[in-house]
Protein backbone atom coordinates (compact mmCIF):
# COMPACT_ATOMS: atom_id res chain seq x y z
CA LYS A 1 -26.55 20.26 -47.62
CA GLU A 2 -24.76 18.39 -50.35
CA ASP A 3 -25.77 14.77 -49.77
CA GLY A 4 -28.96 15.29 -47.78
CA THR A 5 -27.24 15.67 -44.40
CA ASP A 6 -26.86 18.87 -42.43
CA LYS A 7 -23.24 19.82 -41.81
CA SER A 8 -22.02 22.00 -38.95
CA LYS A 9 -19.33 24.67 -39.34
CA ASP A 10 -16.54 22.14 -38.73
CA GLY A 11 -17.90 19.68 -41.33
CA GLU A 12 -19.43 17.30 -38.81
CA SER A 13 -22.81 15.87 -39.87
CA LYS A 14 -25.78 16.45 -37.61
CA LYS A 15 -26.00 12.70 -36.90
CA ASP A 16 -22.26 12.55 -36.03
CA GLN A 17 -22.70 15.55 -33.74
CA GLU A 18 -25.68 13.89 -32.01
CA ASN A 19 -23.70 10.65 -31.60
CA ARG A 20 -20.72 12.56 -30.15
CA GLU A 21 -23.00 14.38 -27.72
CA MET A 22 -24.70 11.11 -26.73
CA ASN A 23 -21.31 9.53 -25.99
CA GLU A 24 -20.31 12.52 -23.84
CA TRP A 25 -23.41 12.37 -21.61
CA ASP A 26 -21.90 10.19 -18.97
CA LYS A 27 -18.70 12.22 -18.69
CA ASN A 28 -20.23 14.74 -16.29
CA ASP A 29 -23.13 13.87 -14.01
CA THR A 30 -23.99 17.53 -13.43
CA ALA A 31 -24.16 18.44 -17.13
CA GLU A 32 -27.50 19.42 -18.64
CA THR A 33 -28.13 16.28 -20.68
CA PRO A 34 -31.37 15.00 -22.22
CA ILE A 35 -31.43 12.29 -19.54
CA ARG A 36 -31.00 14.87 -16.77
CA ARG A 37 -33.60 17.19 -18.36
CA LEU A 38 -36.12 14.34 -18.58
CA ALA A 39 -35.49 13.35 -14.95
CA ASP A 40 -35.90 16.98 -13.85
CA ALA A 41 -39.13 17.36 -15.87
CA LEU A 42 -40.54 14.14 -14.39
CA ARG A 43 -39.57 15.31 -10.91
CA GLU A 44 -41.28 18.69 -11.43
CA ARG A 45 -44.46 17.51 -13.13
CA TRP A 46 -45.07 13.98 -11.80
CA ILE A 47 -43.59 14.07 -8.30
CA GLU A 48 -46.92 13.10 -6.71
CA ASP A 49 -47.24 10.01 -8.93
CA LEU A 50 -43.65 8.72 -8.74
CA THR A 51 -42.35 6.48 -5.99
CA TYR A 52 -38.84 6.24 -7.46
CA LEU A 53 -36.78 8.34 -9.89
CA GLU A 54 -33.13 8.03 -10.89
CA ALA A 55 -31.03 9.31 -13.79
CA VAL A 56 -28.38 6.65 -14.53
CA GLN A 57 -25.79 8.35 -16.71
CA ASN A 58 -22.55 6.46 -16.04
CA THR A 59 -23.47 3.47 -18.20
CA ARG A 60 -23.00 2.50 -21.82
CA VAL A 61 -26.66 3.41 -22.43
CA PRO A 62 -27.75 6.24 -20.10
CA ILE A 63 -31.32 5.83 -18.82
CA VAL A 64 -33.94 7.42 -16.60
CA LYS A 65 -35.49 4.85 -14.26
CA PHE A 66 -38.73 5.61 -12.48
CA THR A 67 -41.70 3.92 -10.88
CA VAL A 68 -45.22 5.24 -11.39
CA ARG A 69 -47.70 4.43 -8.63
CA HIS A 70 -50.62 2.16 -9.53
CA ASN A 71 -53.18 4.69 -8.24
CA ILE A 72 -52.13 7.85 -10.08
CA GLY A 73 -53.68 10.94 -8.54
CA SER A 74 -54.30 9.61 -5.03
CA PRO A 75 -52.10 11.02 -2.27
CA CYS A 76 -49.01 9.02 -1.41
CA PRO A 77 -46.04 10.23 0.61
CA PRO A 78 -42.81 10.09 -1.41
CA HIS A 79 -40.09 7.72 -0.26
CA SER A 80 -37.56 9.33 2.02
CA ASN A 81 -34.76 7.60 0.12
CA GLU A 82 -34.99 6.67 -3.56
CA ASN A 83 -33.46 3.27 -2.73
CA ASP A 84 -36.45 2.48 -0.49
CA ALA A 85 -38.77 2.11 -3.50
CA ASP A 86 -40.78 -1.08 -3.38
CA PRO A 87 -41.18 -2.75 -6.80
CA ASP A 88 -44.79 -3.52 -5.87
CA ASP A 89 -45.53 0.22 -5.53
CA GLY A 90 -46.21 0.61 -9.25
CA VAL A 91 -44.99 0.20 -12.79
CA ASN A 92 -41.23 0.35 -13.35
CA VAL A 93 -40.12 2.28 -16.45
CA ASP A 94 -36.68 2.72 -18.04
CA ILE A 95 -36.24 5.35 -20.78
CA CYS A 96 -33.24 5.88 -23.04
CA PHE A 97 -32.68 7.96 -26.17
CA ASN A 98 -31.58 7.06 -29.71
CA GLN A 99 -31.41 3.32 -29.03
CA LEU A 100 -33.15 1.39 -31.81
CA THR A 101 -31.95 -1.99 -30.60
CA GLY A 102 -34.82 -2.12 -28.10
CA LEU A 103 -37.37 -2.48 -30.89
CA GLU A 104 -35.39 -5.28 -32.52
CA SER A 105 -34.94 -7.02 -29.17
CA ALA A 106 -38.67 -6.79 -28.42
CA LYS A 107 -39.52 -8.44 -31.77
CA LEU A 108 -37.00 -11.21 -31.12
CA VAL A 109 -38.32 -11.89 -27.61
CA LYS A 110 -41.92 -11.89 -28.88
CA THR A 111 -40.97 -14.48 -31.53
CA PHE A 112 -39.30 -16.67 -28.90
CA MET A 113 -42.28 -16.34 -26.53
CA GLU A 114 -44.66 -17.50 -29.26
CA ALA A 115 -42.41 -20.47 -30.11
CA MET A 116 -41.55 -21.43 -26.51
CA PRO A 117 -44.56 -21.30 -24.14
CA PRO A 118 -42.46 -21.86 -20.96
CA LEU A 119 -40.37 -18.73 -21.67
CA ARG A 120 -42.94 -16.25 -20.33
CA PRO A 121 -43.67 -17.87 -16.94
CA LEU A 122 -40.00 -18.73 -16.37
CA THR A 123 -39.08 -15.12 -17.14
CA PHE A 124 -41.60 -13.78 -14.60
CA VAL A 125 -40.50 -16.14 -11.84
CA LEU A 126 -36.78 -15.62 -12.47
CA LYS A 127 -37.13 -11.82 -12.72
CA TYR A 128 -38.93 -11.80 -9.37
CA PHE A 129 -36.32 -14.15 -7.87
CA MET A 130 -33.49 -11.89 -9.05
CA ALA A 131 -35.22 -8.65 -8.02
CA ALA A 132 -35.77 -10.03 -4.51
CA ARG A 133 -32.00 -10.56 -4.28
CA GLY A 134 -31.01 -7.24 -5.88
CA ILE A 135 -29.27 -8.87 -8.85
CA ASN A 136 -31.58 -7.72 -11.63
CA GLU A 137 -29.92 -4.44 -12.69
CA PRO A 138 -27.08 -4.58 -15.25
CA TYR A 139 -25.64 -1.21 -14.22
CA SER A 140 -24.98 -2.60 -10.73
CA GLY A 141 -23.51 -5.89 -11.97
CA GLY A 142 -26.73 -7.88 -12.19
CA VAL A 143 -28.54 -9.57 -15.06
CA GLY A 144 -31.02 -7.50 -17.06
CA SER A 145 -34.27 -8.68 -18.62
CA PHE A 146 -32.94 -9.28 -22.12
CA MET A 147 -29.91 -11.26 -20.94
CA LEU A 148 -32.09 -13.32 -18.61
CA GLN A 149 -34.52 -14.09 -21.43
CA MET A 150 -31.66 -15.16 -23.71
CA MET A 151 -30.32 -17.41 -20.94
CA ILE A 152 -33.76 -19.02 -20.63
CA VAL A 153 -34.03 -19.40 -24.43
CA SER A 154 -30.61 -21.06 -24.54
CA PHE A 155 -31.60 -23.37 -21.68
CA LEU A 156 -34.89 -24.32 -23.37
CA GLN A 157 -33.21 -24.94 -26.73
CA HIS A 158 -30.53 -27.11 -25.10
CA ARG A 159 -33.15 -29.01 -23.11
CA GLU A 160 -35.36 -29.46 -26.19
CA ARG A 161 -32.47 -31.09 -28.08
CA GLU A 162 -31.80 -33.46 -25.19
CA GLU A 163 -35.51 -34.29 -24.77
CA HIS A 164 -35.97 -34.88 -28.49
CA ALA A 165 -33.04 -37.28 -28.56
CA ALA A 166 -34.38 -39.13 -25.50
CA ARG A 167 -38.01 -39.47 -26.61
CA ARG A 168 -37.66 -39.51 -30.41
CA GLY A 169 -40.69 -37.36 -31.15
CA GLY A 170 -42.98 -37.99 -28.15
CA THR A 171 -44.75 -35.30 -26.13
CA PRO A 172 -42.38 -32.93 -24.30
CA ASN A 173 -42.39 -32.72 -20.51
CA LEU A 174 -43.20 -29.07 -19.71
CA CYS A 175 -43.53 -29.07 -15.92
CA LEU A 176 -42.60 -25.48 -15.04
CA GLY A 177 -41.29 -26.42 -11.60
CA SER A 178 -38.92 -28.97 -13.11
CA LEU A 179 -37.83 -26.49 -15.76
CA LEU A 180 -37.07 -23.89 -13.08
CA LEU A 181 -34.96 -26.34 -11.07
CA GLU A 182 -33.15 -27.49 -14.22
CA PHE A 183 -32.43 -23.84 -15.11
CA PHE A 184 -30.87 -23.29 -11.66
CA GLU A 185 -28.92 -26.53 -12.02
CA LEU A 186 -27.58 -25.56 -15.44
CA TYR A 187 -26.48 -22.01 -14.60
CA GLY A 188 -25.70 -22.60 -10.93
CA ILE A 189 -23.80 -25.90 -11.08
CA ASP A 190 -23.19 -27.36 -14.54
CA PHE A 191 -22.39 -24.36 -16.75
CA ASN A 192 -18.66 -23.86 -17.33
CA TYR A 193 -18.17 -20.08 -17.18
CA VAL A 194 -14.44 -20.39 -17.91
CA THR A 195 -14.72 -22.06 -21.32
CA ALA A 196 -18.11 -20.67 -22.42
């Protein structure tokens, strides 16, 4: 220890070694990784309380996804196929390791939610809409929660500028149904994905 960091035999710092190991997780699905160990531990110890469990390792940020039943402790037959899990069966949880960006993202989203009251209800409705169509998971090509929230924030900011110019300081029109339709219109029809 010269500068406060542990060095391995080959001169690699402990942090560098951890980062290298983290980046190698998704190379081999059968390897004993922290993600795999967590999934196995959940499967062994919580099997009665889980309706869904999956270790997703072939992504930029490997995660363990699981759903905990609402009524923990009461008997419930497990799903025959992990893809049969109903989102209404419980609380969905995603866990990753060594990713500090989640804390920063949560603070940012909280700030936006306090400043933009329509953000929360629009997020709930749009997340449900996307989940019902199977387009809410980034690892399968869908749109994740954070990206969706940033799309809504961008939409609300753009709309606020237009409203402000049109009314010159009057009371904003915050009809959630209209906002939802305008969101679909912006990202479904008007938005130019080629030049954006």
